[in-house]
Amino acid sequence: MLTYAAAGAVGRDHPPRPDLGTAARRSLDNRGPHTVADGLERLQQDARAQLCVRVAAGQEAARTDPDIARDMQTIAANREGAFRRHIEAIAAHLAPGVSIDDGVAIYLTLVLPEVYRTLVIERGWTTDRYEDWLADALTTQLLP
């Protein structure tokens, strides 16, 4: 999804945007909220290492280039919107006291590229360990 957002933010052609809200709802209907939490995490797994490098480069460039700074803001807004749709799809199953806004904040924080970089690249976690931790953290934080 971030790759899609990045391509759109810089005016590149990209494939049609997937309807991840429908996919999450279908998964929820078929398997339950815990499977959806695992699925939310799996949507992020393929490009994390590359994303870390790209995000770091974009953040550094944004400090001195207003156009890149605007692009990074657009990417962040698109990313948040996509994650909000994920959380809205499971809103009825969120833990008591967890609002949609709270769920989005928790989700955005847990999937930050910097968290992946810290745990996998700097601390030597395997991607499997990271993915297990993230799925558990999302489930624990978002669901009853």
N, C-alpha and C. Protein backbone atom coordinates (compact mmCIF):
# COMPACT_ATOMS: atom_id res chain seq x y z
N MET A 1 0.83 -1.18 0.00
CA MET A 1 0.00 0.00 0.00
C MET A 1 0.88 1.25 0.00
N LEU A 2 1.96 1.24 0.78
CA LEU A 2 2.83 2.41 0.80
C LEU A 2 3.49 2.59 -0.55
N THR A 3 3.84 1.49 -1.22
CA THR A 3 4.41 1.59 -2.56
C THR A 3 3.41 2.27 -3.48
N TYR A 4 2.14 1.90 -3.37
CA TYR A 4 1.09 2.53 -4.16
C TYR A 4 1.04 4.02 -3.84
N ALA A 5 1.05 4.35 -2.56
CA ALA A 5 0.96 5.75 -2.15
C ALA A 5 2.16 6.53 -2.64
N ALA A 6 3.34 5.93 -2.53
CA ALA A 6 4.56 6.61 -2.96
C ALA A 6 4.51 6.89 -4.46
N ALA A 7 4.06 5.91 -5.23
CA ALA A 7 3.98 6.11 -6.68
C ALA A 7 3.00 7.23 -7.00
N GLY A 8 1.86 7.25 -6.34
CA GLY A 8 0.88 8.29 -6.57
C GLY A 8 1.36 9.66 -6.15
N ALA A 9 2.11 9.69 -5.05
CA ALA A 9 2.58 10.96 -4.52
C ALA A 9 3.57 11.63 -5.46
N VAL A 10 4.33 10.85 -6.19
CA VAL A 10 5.31 11.45 -7.09
C VAL A 10 4.84 11.43 -8.53
N GLY A 11 3.56 11.11 -8.75
CA GLY A 11 2.98 11.21 -10.08
C GLY A 11 3.30 10.06 -11.00
N ARG A 12 3.75 8.95 -10.49
CA ARG A 12 4.07 7.80 -11.33
C ARG A 12 2.80 6.98 -11.55
N ASP A 13 2.79 6.24 -12.67
CA ASP A 13 1.69 5.31 -12.91
C ASP A 13 1.81 4.16 -11.92
N HIS A 14 0.69 3.65 -11.50
CA HIS A 14 0.69 2.53 -10.58
C HIS A 14 -0.56 1.70 -10.82
N PRO A 15 -0.56 0.47 -10.34
CA PRO A 15 -1.72 -0.39 -10.55
C PRO A 15 -2.93 0.12 -9.78
N PRO A 16 -4.12 -0.35 -10.14
CA PRO A 16 -5.32 0.07 -9.40
C PRO A 16 -5.16 -0.24 -7.92
N ARG A 17 -5.61 0.66 -7.11
CA ARG A 17 -5.50 0.50 -5.67
C ARG A 17 -6.41 -0.62 -5.18
N PRO A 18 -5.87 -1.57 -4.40
CA PRO A 18 -6.72 -2.64 -3.90
C PRO A 18 -7.71 -2.12 -2.87
N ASP A 19 -8.86 -2.75 -2.80
CA ASP A 19 -9.85 -2.40 -1.79
C ASP A 19 -9.56 -3.24 -0.55
N LEU A 20 -8.63 -2.76 0.26
CA LEU A 20 -8.20 -3.53 1.42
C LEU A 20 -9.27 -3.59 2.49
N GLY A 21 -10.16 -2.61 2.53
CA GLY A 21 -11.25 -2.67 3.49
C GLY A 21 -12.16 -3.86 3.20
N THR A 22 -12.47 -4.09 1.93
CA THR A 22 -13.30 -5.23 1.56
C THR A 22 -12.59 -6.52 1.87
N ALA A 23 -11.29 -6.59 1.58
CA ALA A 23 -10.52 -7.80 1.87
C ALA A 23 -10.51 -8.08 3.37
N ALA A 24 -10.33 -7.05 4.16
CA ALA A 24 -10.32 -7.23 5.62
C ALA A 24 -11.70 -7.67 6.10
N ARG A 25 -12.76 -7.06 5.56
CA ARG A 25 -14.11 -7.45 5.97
C ARG A 25 -14.40 -8.90 5.57
N ARG A 26 -13.97 -9.29 4.37
CA ARG A 26 -14.19 -10.67 3.92
C ARG A 26 -13.44 -11.63 4.83
N SER A 27 -12.22 -11.29 5.18
CA SER A 27 -11.46 -12.13 6.09
C SER A 27 -12.13 -12.22 7.45
N LEU A 28 -12.62 -11.10 7.94
CA LEU A 28 -13.31 -11.07 9.22
C LEU A 28 -14.57 -11.94 9.17
N ASP A 29 -15.34 -11.82 8.09
CA ASP A 29 -16.55 -12.61 7.96
C ASP A 29 -16.24 -14.11 7.94
N ASN A 30 -15.11 -14.47 7.34
CA ASN A 30 -14.79 -15.88 7.17
C ASN A 30 -14.03 -16.48 8.35
N ARG A 31 -13.22 -15.67 9.05
CA ARG A 31 -12.34 -16.27 10.03
C ARG A 31 -12.29 -15.60 11.38
N GLY A 32 -12.74 -14.41 11.51
CA GLY A 32 -12.74 -13.76 12.81
C GLY A 32 -11.69 -12.67 12.92
N PRO A 33 -11.80 -11.85 13.97
CA PRO A 33 -10.96 -10.66 14.11
C PRO A 33 -9.48 -10.96 14.31
N HIS A 34 -9.14 -12.07 14.95
CA HIS A 34 -7.72 -12.36 15.17
C HIS A 34 -7.03 -12.68 13.85
N THR A 35 -7.72 -13.35 12.95
CA THR A 35 -7.16 -13.62 11.63
C THR A 35 -6.97 -12.32 10.87
N VAL A 36 -7.90 -11.38 11.03
CA VAL A 36 -7.77 -10.09 10.37
C VAL A 36 -6.53 -9.36 10.89
N ALA A 37 -6.30 -9.40 12.21
CA ALA A 37 -5.11 -8.76 12.77
C ALA A 37 -3.85 -9.36 12.17
N ASP A 38 -3.82 -10.68 12.04
CA ASP A 38 -2.67 -11.33 11.39
C ASP A 38 -2.57 -10.87 9.95
N GLY A 39 -3.72 -10.77 9.26
CA GLY A 39 -3.72 -10.35 7.87
C GLY A 39 -3.25 -8.92 7.69
N LEU A 40 -3.62 -8.05 8.63
CA LEU A 40 -3.16 -6.66 8.57
C LEU A 40 -1.64 -6.62 8.62
N GLU A 41 -1.08 -7.41 9.51
CA GLU A 41 0.38 -7.45 9.63
C GLU A 41 1.01 -8.02 8.37
N ARG A 42 0.43 -9.05 7.80
CA ARG A 42 1.00 -9.70 6.61
C ARG A 42 0.99 -8.76 5.40
N LEU A 43 0.07 -7.81 5.36
CA LEU A 43 0.05 -6.86 4.25
C LEU A 43 1.34 -6.04 4.20
N GLN A 44 2.03 -5.96 5.32
CA GLN A 44 3.23 -5.15 5.41
C GLN A 44 4.53 -5.92 5.19
N GLN A 45 4.51 -7.24 5.23
CA GLN A 45 5.73 -8.00 5.38
C GLN A 45 6.66 -8.00 4.16
N ASP A 46 6.17 -7.93 2.95
CA ASP A 46 7.00 -8.15 1.77
C ASP A 46 8.07 -7.10 1.54
N ALA A 47 7.78 -5.86 1.79
CA ALA A 47 8.71 -4.80 1.38
C ALA A 47 9.33 -4.04 2.54
N ARG A 48 9.33 -4.58 3.74
CA ARG A 48 9.81 -3.83 4.90
C ARG A 48 11.26 -3.40 4.80
N ALA A 49 12.14 -4.29 4.44
CA ALA A 49 13.56 -3.93 4.40
C ALA A 49 13.80 -2.82 3.39
N GLN A 50 13.23 -2.95 2.20
CA GLN A 50 13.38 -1.91 1.19
C GLN A 50 12.71 -0.62 1.64
N LEU A 51 11.58 -0.75 2.27
CA LEU A 51 10.85 0.42 2.74
C LEU A 51 11.66 1.21 3.75
N CYS A 52 12.36 0.51 4.63
CA CYS A 52 13.19 1.20 5.64
C CYS A 52 14.20 2.12 4.97
N VAL A 53 14.85 1.61 3.95
CA VAL A 53 15.86 2.40 3.24
C VAL A 53 15.20 3.58 2.54
N ARG A 54 14.09 3.34 1.89
CA ARG A 54 13.41 4.40 1.15
C ARG A 54 12.86 5.48 2.08
N VAL A 55 12.29 5.06 3.19
CA VAL A 55 11.74 6.04 4.13
C VAL A 55 12.86 6.89 4.72
N ALA A 56 13.94 6.26 5.11
CA ALA A 56 15.07 7.01 5.66
C ALA A 56 15.61 8.01 4.64
N ALA A 57 15.75 7.58 3.40
CA ALA A 57 16.23 8.48 2.35
C ALA A 57 15.24 9.62 2.12
N GLY A 58 13.95 9.30 2.10
CA GLY A 58 12.94 10.33 1.91
C GLY A 58 12.91 11.33 3.04
N GLN A 59 13.03 10.84 4.28
CA GLN A 59 13.03 11.73 5.43
C GLN A 59 14.25 12.66 5.40
N GLU A 60 15.38 12.11 5.05
CA GLU A 60 16.59 12.93 4.97
C GLU A 60 16.46 13.99 3.88
N ALA A 61 15.98 13.58 2.71
CA ALA A 61 15.82 14.52 1.60
C ALA A 61 14.76 15.58 1.91
N ALA A 62 13.73 15.21 2.64
CA ALA A 62 12.64 16.14 2.97
C ALA A 62 13.12 17.29 3.84
N ARG A 63 14.20 17.10 4.54
CA ARG A 63 14.72 18.18 5.40
C ARG A 63 15.19 19.38 4.60
N THR A 64 15.59 19.15 3.37
CA THR A 64 16.13 20.25 2.57
C THR A 64 15.35 20.53 1.29
N ASP A 65 14.41 19.66 0.94
CA ASP A 65 13.68 19.82 -0.31
C ASP A 65 12.18 19.91 -0.02
N PRO A 66 11.57 21.09 -0.19
CA PRO A 66 10.15 21.25 0.11
C PRO A 66 9.24 20.34 -0.73
N ASP A 67 9.62 20.06 -1.98
CA ASP A 67 8.80 19.17 -2.81
C ASP A 67 8.79 17.76 -2.24
N ILE A 68 9.93 17.28 -1.83
CA ILE A 68 10.01 15.94 -1.23
C ILE A 68 9.28 15.93 0.10
N ALA A 69 9.38 17.01 0.86
CA ALA A 69 8.66 17.10 2.14
C ALA A 69 7.16 16.98 1.90
N ARG A 70 6.64 17.65 0.88
CA ARG A 70 5.21 17.55 0.55
C ARG A 70 4.86 16.12 0.13
N ASP A 71 5.73 15.51 -0.69
CA ASP A 71 5.50 14.13 -1.12
C ASP A 71 5.46 13.19 0.09
N MET A 72 6.36 13.38 1.03
CA MET A 72 6.39 12.53 2.22
C MET A 72 5.12 12.72 3.05
N GLN A 73 4.62 13.96 3.14
CA GLN A 73 3.37 14.21 3.86
C GLN A 73 2.20 13.52 3.17
N THR A 74 2.19 13.56 1.84
CA THR A 74 1.13 12.89 1.09
C THR A 74 1.19 11.39 1.30
N ILE A 75 2.38 10.83 1.25
CA ILE A 75 2.55 9.40 1.48
C ILE A 75 2.05 9.03 2.88
N ALA A 76 2.43 9.81 3.88
CA ALA A 76 2.00 9.53 5.26
C ALA A 76 0.48 9.60 5.38
N ALA A 77 -0.13 10.58 4.75
CA ALA A 77 -1.59 10.72 4.81
C ALA A 77 -2.28 9.55 4.10
N ASN A 78 -1.75 9.15 2.95
CA ASN A 78 -2.32 8.01 2.24
C ASN A 78 -2.17 6.72 3.05
N ARG A 79 -1.04 6.57 3.67
CA ARG A 79 -0.77 5.39 4.49
C ARG A 79 -1.75 5.35 5.68
N GLU A 80 -1.91 6.48 6.33
CA GLU A 80 -2.85 6.53 7.45
C GLU A 80 -4.27 6.22 7.00
N GLY A 81 -4.65 6.75 5.85
CA GLY A 81 -5.99 6.47 5.34
C GLY A 81 -6.21 4.99 5.08
N ALA A 82 -5.21 4.34 4.51
CA ALA A 82 -5.32 2.89 4.26
C ALA A 82 -5.43 2.13 5.57
N PHE A 83 -4.62 2.49 6.55
CA PHE A 83 -4.67 1.81 7.84
C PHE A 83 -5.99 2.08 8.56
N ARG A 84 -6.52 3.27 8.39
CA ARG A 84 -7.82 3.59 8.99
C ARG A 84 -8.89 2.67 8.42
N ARG A 85 -8.85 2.42 7.12
CA ARG A 85 -9.83 1.51 6.52
C ARG A 85 -9.70 0.11 7.10
N HIS A 86 -8.47 -0.33 7.37
CA HIS A 86 -8.27 -1.65 8.01
C HIS A 86 -8.95 -1.68 9.37
N ILE A 87 -8.70 -0.65 10.16
CA ILE A 87 -9.25 -0.60 11.52
C ILE A 87 -10.77 -0.46 11.48
N GLU A 88 -11.27 0.36 10.59
CA GLU A 88 -12.72 0.50 10.47
C GLU A 88 -13.39 -0.84 10.12
N ALA A 89 -12.69 -1.66 9.34
CA ALA A 89 -13.24 -2.96 8.95
C ALA A 89 -13.43 -3.89 10.15
N ILE A 90 -12.66 -3.68 11.21
CA ILE A 90 -12.79 -4.54 12.39
C ILE A 90 -13.28 -3.76 13.61
N ALA A 91 -13.83 -2.59 13.39
CA ALA A 91 -14.23 -1.69 14.49
C ALA A 91 -15.14 -2.37 15.51
N ALA A 92 -16.05 -3.19 15.06
CA ALA A 92 -16.97 -3.85 15.99
C ALA A 92 -16.26 -4.85 16.90
N HIS A 93 -15.04 -5.20 16.54
CA HIS A 93 -14.29 -6.21 17.30
C HIS A 93 -13.13 -5.62 18.09
N LEU A 94 -12.99 -4.30 18.08
CA LEU A 94 -11.90 -3.69 18.84
C LEU A 94 -12.12 -3.90 20.33
N ALA A 95 -11.02 -3.94 21.05
CA ALA A 95 -11.09 -4.11 22.51
C ALA A 95 -11.88 -2.95 23.12
N PRO A 96 -12.55 -3.21 24.25
CA PRO A 96 -13.27 -2.13 24.92
C PRO A 96 -12.32 -0.96 25.21
N GLY A 97 -12.79 0.23 24.91
CA GLY A 97 -11.98 1.42 25.16
C GLY A 97 -11.05 1.80 24.03
N VAL A 98 -10.91 0.95 23.02
CA VAL A 98 -10.06 1.26 21.87
C VAL A 98 -10.95 1.83 20.77
N SER A 99 -10.80 3.13 20.53
CA SER A 99 -11.56 3.78 19.47
C SER A 99 -10.89 3.52 18.12
N ILE A 100 -11.55 3.89 17.07
CA ILE A 100 -10.93 3.77 15.74
C ILE A 100 -9.67 4.63 15.69
N ASP A 101 -9.74 5.86 16.22
CA ASP A 101 -8.54 6.71 16.23
C ASP A 101 -7.41 6.08 17.02
N ASP A 102 -7.73 5.48 18.18
CA ASP A 102 -6.71 4.78 18.97
C ASP A 102 -6.13 3.62 18.18
N GLY A 103 -7.01 2.86 17.54
CA GLY A 103 -6.56 1.72 16.74
C GLY A 103 -5.62 2.13 15.63
N VAL A 104 -5.95 3.23 14.96
CA VAL A 104 -5.08 3.73 13.89
C VAL A 104 -3.73 4.16 14.46
N ALA A 105 -3.74 4.86 15.59
CA ALA A 105 -2.49 5.30 16.21
C ALA A 105 -1.63 4.11 16.61
N ILE A 106 -2.25 3.10 17.20
CA ILE A 106 -1.51 1.90 17.61
C ILE A 106 -0.94 1.19 16.39
N TYR A 107 -1.78 1.01 15.38
CA TYR A 107 -1.34 0.32 14.16
C TYR A 107 -0.19 1.07 13.49
N LEU A 108 -0.36 2.39 13.31
CA LEU A 108 0.70 3.18 12.68
C LEU A 108 2.01 3.07 13.44
N THR A 109 1.94 3.10 14.76
CA THR A 109 3.14 3.04 15.58
C THR A 109 3.83 1.69 15.47
N LEU A 110 3.06 0.62 15.55
CA LEU A 110 3.66 -0.71 15.53
C LEU A 110 4.29 -1.06 14.20
N VAL A 111 3.75 -0.53 13.09
CA VAL A 111 4.29 -0.89 11.78
C VAL A 111 5.27 0.15 11.23
N LEU A 112 5.71 1.07 12.07
CA LEU A 112 6.70 2.05 11.60
C LEU A 112 7.93 1.34 11.03
N PRO A 113 8.42 1.78 9.89
CA PRO A 113 9.64 1.19 9.35
C PRO A 113 10.81 1.24 10.34
N GLU A 114 10.83 2.26 11.19
CA GLU A 114 11.91 2.38 12.18
C GLU A 114 11.87 1.24 13.20
N VAL A 115 10.67 0.77 13.53
CA VAL A 115 10.55 -0.36 14.46
C VAL A 115 11.12 -1.61 13.80
N TYR A 116 10.76 -1.85 12.56
CA TYR A 116 11.30 -2.99 11.82
C TYR A 116 12.83 -2.89 11.74
N ARG A 117 13.31 -1.71 11.35
CA ARG A 117 14.76 -1.52 11.22
C ARG A 117 15.46 -1.81 12.54
N THR A 118 14.92 -1.29 13.63
CA THR A 118 15.54 -1.49 14.94
C THR A 118 15.60 -2.97 15.29
N LEU A 119 14.47 -3.67 15.16
CA LEU A 119 14.42 -5.05 15.60
C LEU A 119 15.12 -6.02 14.66
N VAL A 120 14.90 -5.88 13.36
CA VAL A 120 15.44 -6.85 12.40
C VAL A 120 16.85 -6.49 11.94
N ILE A 121 17.03 -5.28 11.51
CA ILE A 121 18.32 -4.90 10.92
C ILE A 121 19.36 -4.62 12.00
N GLU A 122 18.98 -3.85 13.02
CA GLU A 122 19.95 -3.48 14.05
C GLU A 122 20.09 -4.52 15.16
N ARG A 123 18.99 -5.17 15.55
CA ARG A 123 19.02 -6.11 16.69
C ARG A 123 19.10 -7.56 16.27
N GLY A 124 19.04 -7.82 14.97
CA GLY A 124 19.24 -9.17 14.47
C GLY A 124 18.07 -10.13 14.57
N TRP A 125 16.86 -9.62 14.81
CA TRP A 125 15.71 -10.50 14.83
C TRP A 125 15.50 -11.08 13.43
N THR A 126 15.00 -12.30 13.37
CA THR A 126 14.61 -12.85 12.07
C THR A 126 13.30 -12.18 11.67
N THR A 127 13.00 -12.21 10.37
CA THR A 127 11.72 -11.64 9.94
C THR A 127 10.56 -12.44 10.51
N ASP A 128 10.74 -13.75 10.68
CA ASP A 128 9.67 -14.56 11.29
C ASP A 128 9.41 -14.12 12.72
N ARG A 129 10.48 -13.88 13.48
CA ARG A 129 10.30 -13.44 14.86
C ARG A 129 9.59 -12.08 14.89
N TYR A 130 10.03 -11.17 14.03
CA TYR A 130 9.40 -9.86 13.96
C TYR A 130 7.92 -9.98 13.60
N GLU A 131 7.61 -10.77 12.58
CA GLU A 131 6.22 -10.93 12.15
C GLU A 131 5.36 -11.54 13.25
N ASP A 132 5.91 -12.52 13.97
CA ASP A 132 5.17 -13.11 15.09
C ASP A 132 4.93 -12.07 16.18
N TRP A 133 5.97 -11.30 16.49
CA TRP A 133 5.83 -10.26 17.50
C TRP A 133 4.78 -9.23 17.08
N LEU A 134 4.85 -8.79 15.83
CA LEU A 134 3.92 -7.77 15.35
C LEU A 134 2.49 -8.28 15.35
N ALA A 135 2.28 -9.50 14.87
CA ALA A 135 0.92 -10.07 14.88
C ALA A 135 0.41 -10.16 16.31
N ASP A 136 1.27 -10.59 17.23
CA ASP A 136 0.86 -10.68 18.64
C ASP A 136 0.57 -9.29 19.22
N ALA A 137 1.44 -8.32 18.91
CA ALA A 137 1.25 -6.97 19.43
C ALA A 137 -0.04 -6.35 18.89
N LEU A 138 -0.31 -6.52 17.60
CA LEU A 138 -1.54 -5.98 17.02
C LEU A 138 -2.77 -6.63 17.67
N THR A 139 -2.71 -7.93 17.82
CA THR A 139 -3.82 -8.66 18.42
C THR A 139 -4.03 -8.22 19.86
N THR A 140 -2.95 -8.18 20.63
CA THR A 140 -3.03 -7.81 22.04
C THR A 140 -3.53 -6.38 22.23
N GLN A 141 -3.07 -5.48 21.41
CA GLN A 141 -3.40 -4.07 21.58
C GLN A 141 -4.78 -3.70 21.02
N LEU A 142 -5.21 -4.39 19.98
CA LEU A 142 -6.44 -3.98 19.28
C LEU A 142 -7.67 -4.80 19.64
N LEU A 143 -7.49 -6.05 19.99
CA LEU A 143 -8.63 -6.95 20.14
C LEU A 143 -8.79 -7.40 21.60
N PRO A 144 -10.02 -7.78 21.96
CA PRO A 144 -10.25 -8.22 23.35
C PRO A 144 -9.58 -9.57 23.63
